[in-house]
């Protein structure tokens, strides 16, 4: 009797927790996103199509998706390398480097943009001027998305069993073979998760890019800045339409990476 009562209480508690979680998720995420999607078609599908196919919108979306893809590739490589060094190597200043990785998380994005303009703007102390150029946009996105890859790969490396690598090495496997056959398959889920988070952040970044990009249409204007411009022009429907396209693209990429991650886990 006590066991049945305890089981009923646990099921009741689980149902309440699930209900609260679903309600919270709906209010904070699902309802706002649905509202944006509904607003984007409030003037009809023709208005939606016109808003997302204007030359300015297409140029901003192309730049955003292209920059996000480049940033993901670069940071997957460099972020995984940094995570490897932080876990497998010991060096002076390791704790400082580990702390600095989280700096983009701590800084408000507009402050990050100001820092980047100070370092890579017209008055750069380094003599490097990336302001109002696509290279500046890439640097801003690399800065803001790097921690996502490092912090998702790092725990996987910490939990990885080193005995498998040692056993492979004792059997004569080369370092490249060990990395390709043992390390990389174990790292892939973390890398895929970091890539997904980095892409989502890069495709929606505003604060870090708005200053260094200069917001030049057809050249350095990213989608988020274009959306902000539409809102300032009192074109909320157009802003919602471009936002919906950006949301759908990001969602498809996240789903594709999740499928690839699950496939890798099953193979592993």
C-alpha atoms as a PDB file:
ATOM      1  CA  UNK A   1       0.000   0.000   0.000  1.00  0.00           C
ATOM      2  CA  UNK A   2       2.767   2.412   0.950  1.00  0.00           C
ATOM      3  CA  UNK A   3       4.639   1.578  -2.226  1.00  0.00           C
ATOM      4  CA  UNK A   4       1.587   2.225  -4.376  1.00  0.00           C
ATOM      5  CA  UNK A   5       0.919   5.490  -2.535  1.00  0.00           C
ATOM      6  CA  UNK A   6       4.535   6.569  -2.954  1.00  0.00           C
ATOM      7  CA  UNK A   7       4.416   5.746  -6.654  1.00  0.00           C
ATOM      8  CA  UNK A   8       1.212   7.742  -7.085  1.00  0.00           C
ATOM      9  CA  UNK A   9       2.795  10.721  -5.340  1.00  0.00           C
ATOM     10  CA  UNK A  10       5.852  10.539  -7.538  1.00  0.00           C
ATOM     11  CA  UNK A  11       3.709  10.391 -10.669  1.00  0.00           C
ATOM     12  CA  UNK A  12       1.650  13.315  -9.397  1.00  0.00           C
ATOM     13  CA  UNK A  13       4.792  15.304  -8.679  1.00  0.00           C
ATOM     14  CA  UNK A  14       6.158  14.488 -12.130  1.00  0.00           C
ATOM     15  CA  UNK A  15       2.912  15.587 -13.780  1.00  0.00           C
ATOM     16  CA  UNK A  16       2.914  18.879 -11.861  1.00  0.00           C
ATOM     17  CA  UNK A  17       6.552  19.515 -12.732  1.00  0.00           C
ATOM     18  CA  UNK A  18       5.946  18.694 -16.387  1.00  0.00           C
ATOM     19  CA  UNK A  19       2.922  20.967 -16.464  1.00  0.00           C
ATOM     20  CA  UNK A  20       4.832  23.880 -14.931  1.00  0.00           C
ATOM     21  CA  UNK A  21       7.765  23.348 -17.290  1.00  0.00           C
ATOM     22  CA  UNK A  22       5.437  23.228 -20.316  1.00  0.00           C
ATOM     23  CA  UNK A  23       3.582  26.350 -19.180  1.00  0.00           C
ATOM     24  CA  UNK A  24       6.812  28.239 -18.605  1.00  0.00           C
ATOM     25  CA  UNK A  25       8.263  27.144 -21.952  1.00  0.00           C
ATOM     26  CA  UNK A  26       5.054  28.180 -23.705  1.00  0.00           C
ATOM     27  CA  UNK A  27       4.934  31.630 -22.114  1.00  0.00           C
ATOM     28  CA  UNK A  28       8.608  32.404 -22.522  1.00  0.00           C
ATOM     29  CA  UNK A  29       9.413  30.745 -25.878  1.00  0.00           C
ATOM     30  CA  UNK A  30       6.534  29.248 -27.863  1.00  0.00           C
ATOM     31  CA  UNK A  31       3.948  32.016 -27.554  1.00  0.00           C
ATOM     32  CA  UNK A  32       6.379  34.857 -28.450  1.00  0.00           C
ATOM     33  CA  UNK A  33       7.721  32.934 -31.446  1.00  0.00           C
ATOM     34  CA  UNK A  34       4.212  32.068 -32.617  1.00  0.00           C
ATOM     35  CA  UNK A  35       3.225  35.715 -32.265  1.00  0.00           C
ATOM     36  CA  UNK A  36       6.132  36.820 -34.450  1.00  0.00           C
ATOM     37  CA  UNK A  37       5.218  34.231 -37.088  1.00  0.00           C
ATOM     38  CA  UNK A  38       1.567  35.289 -36.979  1.00  0.00           C
ATOM     39  CA  UNK A  39       2.502  38.972 -37.234  1.00  0.00           C
ATOM     40  CA  UNK A  40       4.655  38.292 -40.282  1.00  0.00           C
ATOM     41  CA  UNK A  41       1.600  37.175 -42.285  1.00  0.00           C
ATOM     42  CA  UNK A  42      -0.928  39.582 -40.785  1.00  0.00           C
ATOM     43  CA  UNK A  43      -1.039  41.549 -44.062  1.00  0.00           C
ATOM     44  CA  UNK A  44      -1.164  38.459 -46.251  1.00  0.00           C
ATOM     45  CA  UNK A  45       1.375  36.165 -47.838  1.00  0.00           C
ATOM     46  CA  UNK A  46       2.119  38.655 -50.610  1.00  0.00           C
ATOM     47  CA  UNK A  47       3.265  41.204 -48.057  1.00  0.00           C
ATOM     48  CA  UNK A  48       5.362  38.542 -46.332  1.00  0.00           C
ATOM     49  CA  UNK A  49       7.018  37.503 -49.578  1.00  0.00           C
ATOM     50  CA  UNK A  50       7.687  41.111 -50.554  1.00  0.00           C
ATOM     51  CA  UNK A  51       9.320  41.838 -47.188  1.00  0.00           C
ATOM     52  CA  UNK A  52      11.715  38.887 -47.319  1.00  0.00           C
ATOM     53  CA  UNK A  53      12.659  39.268 -50.991  1.00  0.00           C
ATOM     54  CA  UNK A  54      13.618  42.935 -51.052  1.00  0.00           C
ATOM     55  CA  UNK A  55      17.223  43.398 -52.166  1.00  0.00           C
ATOM     56  CA  UNK A  56      18.181  44.711 -48.723  1.00  0.00           C
ATOM     57  CA  UNK A  57      16.631  41.735 -46.899  1.00  0.00           C
ATOM     58  CA  UNK A  58      18.188  39.154 -49.220  1.00  0.00           C
ATOM     59  CA  UNK A  59      21.620  40.771 -48.938  1.00  0.00           C
ATOM     60  CA  UNK A  60      21.382  40.866 -45.140  1.00  0.00           C
ATOM     61  CA  UNK A  61      20.250  37.237 -44.941  1.00  0.00           C
ATOM     62  CA  UNK A  62      22.992  36.055 -47.302  1.00  0.00           C
ATOM     63  CA  UNK A  63      25.655  37.880 -45.303  1.00  0.00           C
ATOM     64  CA  UNK A  64      24.291  36.572 -42.002  1.00  0.00           C
ATOM     65  CA  UNK A  65      24.065  32.935 -43.074  1.00  0.00           C
ATOM     66  CA  UNK A  66      27.406  33.004 -44.860  1.00  0.00           C
ATOM     67  CA  UNK A  67      29.183  34.641 -41.927  1.00  0.00           C
ATOM     68  CA  UNK A  68      27.533  32.259 -39.454  1.00  0.00           C
ATOM     69  CA  UNK A  69      28.661  29.236 -41.479  1.00  0.00           C
ATOM     70  CA  UNK A  70      32.259  30.497 -41.674  1.00  0.00           C
ATOM     71  CA  UNK A  71      32.306  31.336 -37.981  1.00  0.00           C
ATOM     72  CA  UNK A  72      31.008  27.880 -37.029  1.00  0.00           C
ATOM     73  CA  UNK A  73      33.695  26.115 -39.066  1.00  0.00           C
ATOM     74  CA  UNK A  74      36.514  28.275 -37.663  1.00  0.00           C
ATOM     75  CA  UNK A  75      35.348  28.079 -34.063  1.00  0.00           C
ATOM     76  CA  UNK A  76      34.654  24.343 -34.212  1.00  0.00           C
ATOM     77  CA  UNK A  77      38.331  23.844 -35.089  1.00  0.00           C
ATOM     78  CA  UNK A  78      39.831  26.497 -32.822  1.00  0.00           C
ATOM     79  CA  UNK A  79      37.357  26.007 -29.985  1.00  0.00           C
ATOM     80  CA  UNK A  80      38.008  22.262 -29.915  1.00  0.00           C
ATOM     81  CA  UNK A  81      41.751  22.922 -29.972  1.00  0.00           C
ATOM     82  CA  UNK A  82      41.494  25.374 -27.065  1.00  0.00           C
ATOM     83  CA  UNK A  83      39.332  22.934 -25.106  1.00  0.00           C
ATOM     84  CA  UNK A  84      41.912  20.184 -25.735  1.00  0.00           C
ATOM     85  CA  UNK A  85      44.759  22.383 -24.497  1.00  0.00           C
ATOM     86  CA  UNK A  86      42.840  23.450 -21.384  1.00  0.00           C
ATOM     87  CA  UNK A  87      42.059  19.824 -20.475  1.00  0.00           C
ATOM     88  CA  UNK A  88      45.163  17.933 -21.580  1.00  0.00           C
ATOM     89  CA  UNK A  89      47.985  20.462 -21.052  1.00  0.00           C
ATOM     90  CA  UNK A  90      49.369  22.368 -18.072  1.00  0.00           C
ATOM     91  CA  UNK A  91      50.934  25.779 -18.582  1.00  0.00           C
ATOM     92  CA  UNK A  92      51.435  29.075 -16.784  1.00  0.00           C
ATOM     93  CA  UNK A  93      48.294  31.201 -16.915  1.00  0.00           C
ATOM     94  CA  UNK A  94      45.975  28.272 -17.617  1.00  0.00           C
ATOM     95  CA  UNK A  95      43.367  29.452 -15.104  1.00  0.00           C
ATOM     96  CA  UNK A  96      43.460  32.957 -16.565  1.00  0.00           C
ATOM     97  CA  UNK A  97      42.884  31.620 -20.082  1.00  0.00           C
ATOM     98  CA  UNK A  98      40.062  29.404 -18.814  1.00  0.00           C
ATOM     99  CA  UNK A  99      38.433  32.454 -17.208  1.00  0.00           C
ATOM    100  CA  UNK A 100      38.860  34.639 -20.297  1.00  0.00           C
ATOM    101  CA  UNK A 101      36.960  32.104 -22.399  1.00  0.00           C
ATOM    102  CA  UNK A 102      33.780  33.155 -20.583  1.00  0.00           C
ATOM    103  CA  UNK A 103      34.365  36.884 -21.171  1.00  0.00           C
ATOM    104  CA  UNK A 104      31.973  37.099 -24.156  1.00  0.00           C
ATOM    105  CA  UNK A 105      29.276  35.603 -21.887  1.00  0.00           C
ATOM    106  CA  UNK A 106      29.861  38.233 -19.212  1.00  0.00           C
ATOM    107  CA  UNK A 107      30.167  41.307 -21.428  1.00  0.00           C
ATOM    108  CA  UNK A 108      27.008  43.009 -22.716  1.00  0.00           C
ATOM    109  CA  UNK A 109      27.129  42.587 -26.479  1.00  0.00           C
ATOM    110  CA  UNK A 110      27.143  46.329 -27.134  1.00  0.00           C
ATOM    111  CA  UNK A 111      30.196  46.613 -24.861  1.00  0.00           C
ATOM    112  CA  UNK A 112      31.832  43.801 -26.826  1.00  0.00           C
ATOM    113  CA  UNK A 113      31.150  45.796 -29.996  1.00  0.00           C
ATOM    114  CA  UNK A 114      32.756  48.874 -28.452  1.00  0.00           C
ATOM    115  CA  UNK A 115      35.810  46.835 -27.430  1.00  0.00           C
ATOM    116  CA  UNK A 116      36.148  45.441 -30.948  1.00  0.00           C
ATOM    117  CA  UNK A 117      35.845  48.900 -32.516  1.00  0.00           C
ATOM    118  CA  UNK A 118      38.525  50.177 -30.144  1.00  0.00           C
ATOM    119  CA  UNK A 119      40.856  47.329 -31.090  1.00  0.00           C
ATOM    120  CA  UNK A 120      40.083  46.984 -34.788  1.00  0.00           C
ATOM    121  CA  UNK A 121      38.582  50.351 -35.709  1.00  0.00           C
ATOM    122  CA  UNK A 122      40.046  53.448 -37.396  1.00  0.00           C
ATOM    123  CA  UNK A 123      42.099  54.299 -34.283  1.00  0.00           C
ATOM    124  CA  UNK A 124      43.259  50.749 -33.643  1.00  0.00           C
ATOM    125  CA  UNK A 125      46.399  50.531 -31.485  1.00  0.00           C
ATOM    126  CA  UNK A 126      47.249  47.382 -33.451  1.00  0.00           C
ATOM    127  CA  UNK A 127      47.161  49.190 -36.777  1.00  0.00           C
ATOM    128  CA  UNK A 128      44.363  46.891 -38.019  1.00  0.00           C
ATOM    129  CA  UNK A 129      41.205  48.577 -39.300  1.00  0.00           C
ATOM    130  CA  UNK A 130      38.328  46.163 -39.827  1.00  0.00           C
ATOM    131  CA  UNK A 131      35.560  48.666 -39.226  1.00  0.00           C
ATOM    132  CA  UNK A 132      32.756  48.855 -41.811  1.00  0.00           C
ATOM    133  CA  UNK A 133      33.996  45.682 -43.507  1.00  0.00           C
ATOM    134  CA  UNK A 134      32.748  42.117 -43.615  1.00  0.00           C
ATOM    135  CA  UNK A 135      35.951  40.982 -41.969  1.00  0.00           C
ATOM    136  CA  UNK A 136      34.944  43.070 -38.951  1.00  0.00           C
ATOM    137  CA  UNK A 137      31.599  41.290 -38.833  1.00  0.00           C
ATOM    138  CA  UNK A 138      33.385  37.932 -38.860  1.00  0.00           C
ATOM    139  CA  UNK A 139      35.708  38.962 -36.032  1.00  0.00           C
ATOM    140  CA  UNK A 140      32.748  40.135 -33.942  1.00  0.00           C
ATOM    141  CA  UNK A 141      30.926  36.834 -34.463  1.00  0.00           C
ATOM    142  CA  UNK A 142      34.058  34.791 -33.773  1.00  0.00           C
ATOM    143  CA  UNK A 143      34.460  36.637 -30.473  1.00  0.00           C
ATOM    144  CA  UNK A 144      30.897  36.083 -29.297  1.00  0.00           C
ATOM    145  CA  UNK A 145      30.547  32.436 -30.348  1.00  0.00           C
ATOM    146  CA  UNK A 146      33.886  30.917 -29.314  1.00  0.00           C
ATOM    147  CA  UNK A 147      32.819  30.042 -25.718  1.00  0.00           C
ATOM    148  CA  UNK A 148      29.893  27.945 -26.955  1.00  0.00           C
ATOM    149  CA  UNK A 149      32.224  25.451 -28.630  1.00  0.00           C
ATOM    150  CA  UNK A 150      34.866  25.433 -25.890  1.00  0.00           C
ATOM    151  CA  UNK A 151      32.372  24.927 -23.082  1.00  0.00           C
ATOM    152  CA  UNK A 152      30.562  22.076 -24.823  1.00  0.00           C
ATOM    153  CA  UNK A 153      33.691  20.183 -25.884  1.00  0.00           C
ATOM    154  CA  UNK A 154      35.578  20.676 -22.614  1.00  0.00           C
ATOM    155  CA  UNK A 155      33.297  18.499 -20.413  1.00  0.00           C
ATOM    156  CA  UNK A 156      33.425  15.687 -22.969  1.00  0.00           C
ATOM    157  CA  UNK A 157      37.213  15.719 -22.861  1.00  0.00           C
ATOM    158  CA  UNK A 158      37.177  15.728 -19.061  1.00  0.00           C
ATOM    159  CA  UNK A 159      34.967  12.619 -18.976  1.00  0.00           C
ATOM    160  CA  UNK A 160      36.781  10.761 -21.720  1.00  0.00           C
ATOM    161  CA  UNK A 161      38.503   7.570 -20.617  1.00  0.00           C
ATOM    162  CA  UNK A 162      42.210   7.887 -21.341  1.00  0.00           C
ATOM    163  CA  UNK A 163      42.738   4.153 -20.999  1.00  0.00           C
ATOM    164  CA  UNK A 164      41.301   3.561 -24.467  1.00  0.00           C
ATOM    165  CA  UNK A 165      43.896   5.876 -25.990  1.00  0.00           C
ATOM    166  CA  UNK A 166      46.673   4.230 -23.991  1.00  0.00           C
ATOM    167  CA  UNK A 167      45.527   0.771 -25.054  1.00  0.00           C
ATOM    168  CA  UNK A 168      45.447   1.824 -28.704  1.00  0.00           C
ATOM    169  CA  UNK A 169      48.909   3.340 -28.408  1.00  0.00           C
ATOM    170  CA  UNK A 170      50.264   0.141 -26.800  1.00  0.00           C
ATOM    171  CA  UNK A 171      48.930  -1.800 -29.779  1.00  0.00           C
ATOM    172  CA  UNK A 172      50.901   0.398 -32.147  1.00  0.00           C
ATOM    173  CA  UNK A 173      48.260   2.860 -33.289  1.00  0.00           C
ATOM    174  CA  UNK A 174      49.603   6.226 -34.395  1.00  0.00           C
ATOM    175  CA  UNK A 175      48.460   9.478 -32.807  1.00  0.00           C
ATOM    176  CA  UNK A 176      46.485  10.330 -35.923  1.00  0.00           C
ATOM    177  CA  UNK A 177      44.729   6.949 -35.850  1.00  0.00           C
ATOM    178  CA  UNK A 178      43.941   7.312 -32.146  1.00  0.00           C
ATOM    179  CA  UNK A 179      42.498  10.768 -32.711  1.00  0.00           C
ATOM    180  CA  UNK A 180      40.481   9.705 -35.760  1.00  0.00           C
ATOM    181  CA  UNK A 181      39.166   6.390 -34.421  1.00  0.00           C
ATOM    182  CA  UNK A 182      38.806   7.060 -30.686  1.00  0.00           C
ATOM    183  CA  UNK A 183      38.966  10.742 -29.744  1.00  0.00           C
ATOM    184  CA  UNK A 184      36.974  12.332 -32.567  1.00  0.00           C
ATOM    185  CA  UNK A 185      33.959   9.975 -32.373  1.00  0.00           C
ATOM    186  CA  UNK A 186      33.686  10.700 -28.659  1.00  0.00           C
ATOM    187  CA  UNK A 187      34.027  14.434 -29.212  1.00  0.00           C
ATOM    188  CA  UNK A 188      31.538  14.658 -32.058  1.00  0.00           C
ATOM    189  CA  UNK A 189      28.361  15.067 -29.945  1.00  0.00           C
ATOM    190  CA  UNK A 190      29.945  17.931 -28.012  1.00  0.00           C
ATOM    191  CA  UNK A 191      31.281  19.522 -31.189  1.00  0.00           C
ATOM    192  CA  UNK A 192      27.857  19.269 -32.858  1.00  0.00           C
ATOM    193  CA  UNK A 193      26.155  20.830 -29.846  1.00  0.00           C
ATOM    194  CA  UNK A 194      28.697  23.657 -29.764  1.00  0.00           C
ATOM    195  CA  UNK A 195      28.319  24.222 -33.497  1.00  0.00           C
ATOM    196  CA  UNK A 196      24.538  24.443 -33.135  1.00  0.00           C
ATOM    197  CA  UNK A 197      24.760  26.975 -30.313  1.00  0.00           C
ATOM    198  CA  UNK A 198      27.412  28.987 -32.166  1.00  0.00           C
ATOM    199  CA  UNK A 199      25.339  29.112 -35.345  1.00  0.00           C
ATOM    200  CA  UNK A 200      22.237  30.209 -33.472  1.00  0.00           C
ATOM    201  CA  UNK A 201      24.143  32.973 -31.719  1.00  0.00           C
ATOM    202  CA  UNK A 202      25.977  34.104 -34.865  1.00  0.00           C
ATOM    203  CA  UNK A 203      22.802  34.283 -36.948  1.00  0.00           C
ATOM    204  CA  UNK A 204      21.068  36.488 -34.377  1.00  0.00           C
ATOM    205  CA  UNK A 205      23.920  38.631 -33.034  1.00  0.00           C
ATOM    206  CA  UNK A 206      23.195  42.358 -32.881  1.00  0.00           C
ATOM    207  CA  UNK A 207      25.183  44.259 -30.284  1.00  0.00           C
ATOM    208  CA  UNK A 208      28.660  43.051 -31.197  1.00  0.00           C
ATOM    209  CA  UNK A 209      28.145  43.728 -34.926  1.00  0.00           C
ATOM    210  CA  UNK A 210      26.139  46.946 -35.021  1.00  0.00           C
ATOM    211  CA  UNK A 211      29.107  49.209 -34.224  1.00  0.00           C
ATOM    212  CA  UNK A 212      31.935  47.563 -36.150  1.00  0.00           C
ATOM    213  CA  UNK A 213      29.811  46.781 -39.222  1.00  0.00           C
ATOM    214  CA  UNK A 214      28.666  50.355 -39.798  1.00  0.00           C
ATOM    215  CA  UNK A 215      25.274  49.004 -40.917  1.00  0.00           C
ATOM    216  CA  UNK A 216      25.988  49.517 -44.612  1.00  0.00           C
ATOM    217  CA  UNK A 217      23.195  47.979 -46.755  1.00  0.00           C
ATOM    218  CA  UNK A 218      24.348  45.379 -49.304  1.00  0.00           C
ATOM    219  CA  UNK A 219      27.810  45.334 -47.713  1.00  0.00           C
ATOM    220  CA  UNK A 220      27.968  44.909 -43.935  1.00  0.00           C
ATOM    221  CA  UNK A 221      24.344  44.968 -42.770  1.00  0.00           C
ATOM    222  CA  UNK A 222      23.464  41.717 -41.005  1.00  0.00           C
ATOM    223  CA  UNK A 223      19.913  40.432 -40.645  1.00  0.00           C
ATOM    224  CA  UNK A 224      19.433  41.483 -37.014  1.00  0.00           C
ATOM    225  CA  UNK A 225      20.482  45.064 -37.784  1.00  0.00           C
ATOM    226  CA  UNK A 226      18.235  45.081 -40.850  1.00  0.00           C
ATOM    227  CA  UNK A 227      15.327  43.949 -38.677  1.00  0.00           C
ATOM    228  CA  UNK A 228      16.060  46.746 -36.210  1.00  0.00           C
ATOM    229  CA  UNK A 229      16.043  49.226 -39.079  1.00  0.00           C
ATOM    230  CA  UNK A 230      12.644  47.991 -40.221  1.00  0.00           C
ATOM    231  CA  UNK A 231      11.260  48.469 -36.713  1.00  0.00           C
ATOM    232  CA  UNK A 232      12.665  51.998 -36.584  1.00  0.00           C
ATOM    233  CA  UNK A 233      10.949  52.660 -39.919  1.00  0.00           C
ATOM    234  CA  UNK A 234       7.634  51.556 -38.359  1.00  0.00           C
ATOM    235  CA  UNK A 235       7.522  48.414 -40.498  1.00  0.00           C
ATOM    236  CA  UNK A 236       6.871  45.873 -37.767  1.00  0.00           C
ATOM    237  CA  UNK A 237       5.264  43.419 -40.198  1.00  0.00           C
ATOM    238  CA  UNK A 238       8.328  43.419 -42.431  1.00  0.00           C
ATOM    239  CA  UNK A 239      10.588  42.991 -39.412  1.00  0.00           C
ATOM    240  CA  UNK A 240       8.504  40.032 -38.270  1.00  0.00           C
ATOM    241  CA  UNK A 241       8.688  38.483 -41.747  1.00  0.00           C
ATOM    242  CA  UNK A 242      12.487  38.659 -41.909  1.00  0.00           C
ATOM    243  CA  UNK A 243      12.663  37.436 -38.315  1.00  0.00           C
ATOM    244  CA  UNK A 244      10.523  34.440 -39.209  1.00  0.00           C
ATOM    245  CA  UNK A 245      12.797  33.504 -42.113  1.00  0.00           C
ATOM    246  CA  UNK A 246      15.817  33.829 -39.844  1.00  0.00           C
ATOM    247  CA  UNK A 247      14.084  31.689 -37.235  1.00  0.00           C
ATOM    248  CA  UNK A 248      13.164  28.964 -39.727  1.00  0.00           C
ATOM    249  CA  UNK A 249      16.699  28.788 -41.140  1.00  0.00           C
ATOM    250  CA  UNK A 250      18.227  28.589 -37.668  1.00  0.00           C
ATOM    251  CA  UNK A 251      15.711  25.921 -36.639  1.00  0.00           C
ATOM    252  CA  UNK A 252      16.474  23.792 -39.704  1.00  0.00           C
ATOM    253  CA  UNK A 253      20.205  24.026 -39.054  1.00  0.00           C
ATOM    254  CA  UNK A 254      19.733  23.101 -35.394  1.00  0.00           C
ATOM    255  CA  UNK A 255      17.568  20.122 -36.342  1.00  0.00           C
ATOM    256  CA  UNK A 256      20.116  18.952 -38.916  1.00  0.00           C
ATOM    257  CA  UNK A 257      22.938  19.161 -36.369  1.00  0.00           C
ATOM    258  CA  UNK A 258      20.809  17.333 -33.791  1.00  0.00           C
ATOM    259  CA  UNK A 259      20.105  14.531 -36.269  1.00  0.00           C
ATOM    260  CA  UNK A 260      23.815  14.294 -37.097  1.00  0.00           C
ATOM    261  CA  UNK A 261      24.649  14.223 -33.386  1.00  0.00           C
ATOM    262  CA  UNK A 262      22.181  11.407 -32.683  1.00  0.00           C
ATOM    263  CA  UNK A 263      23.495   9.450 -35.673  1.00  0.00           C
ATOM    264  CA  UNK A 264      27.044   9.785 -34.382  1.00  0.00           C
ATOM    265  CA  UNK A 265      26.006   8.639 -30.910  1.00  0.00           C
ATOM    266  CA  UNK A 266      24.257   5.561 -32.330  1.00  0.00           C
ATOM    267  CA  UNK A 267      27.303   4.672 -34.414  1.00  0.00           C
ATOM    268  CA  UNK A 268      29.542   5.158 -31.404  1.00  0.00           C
END
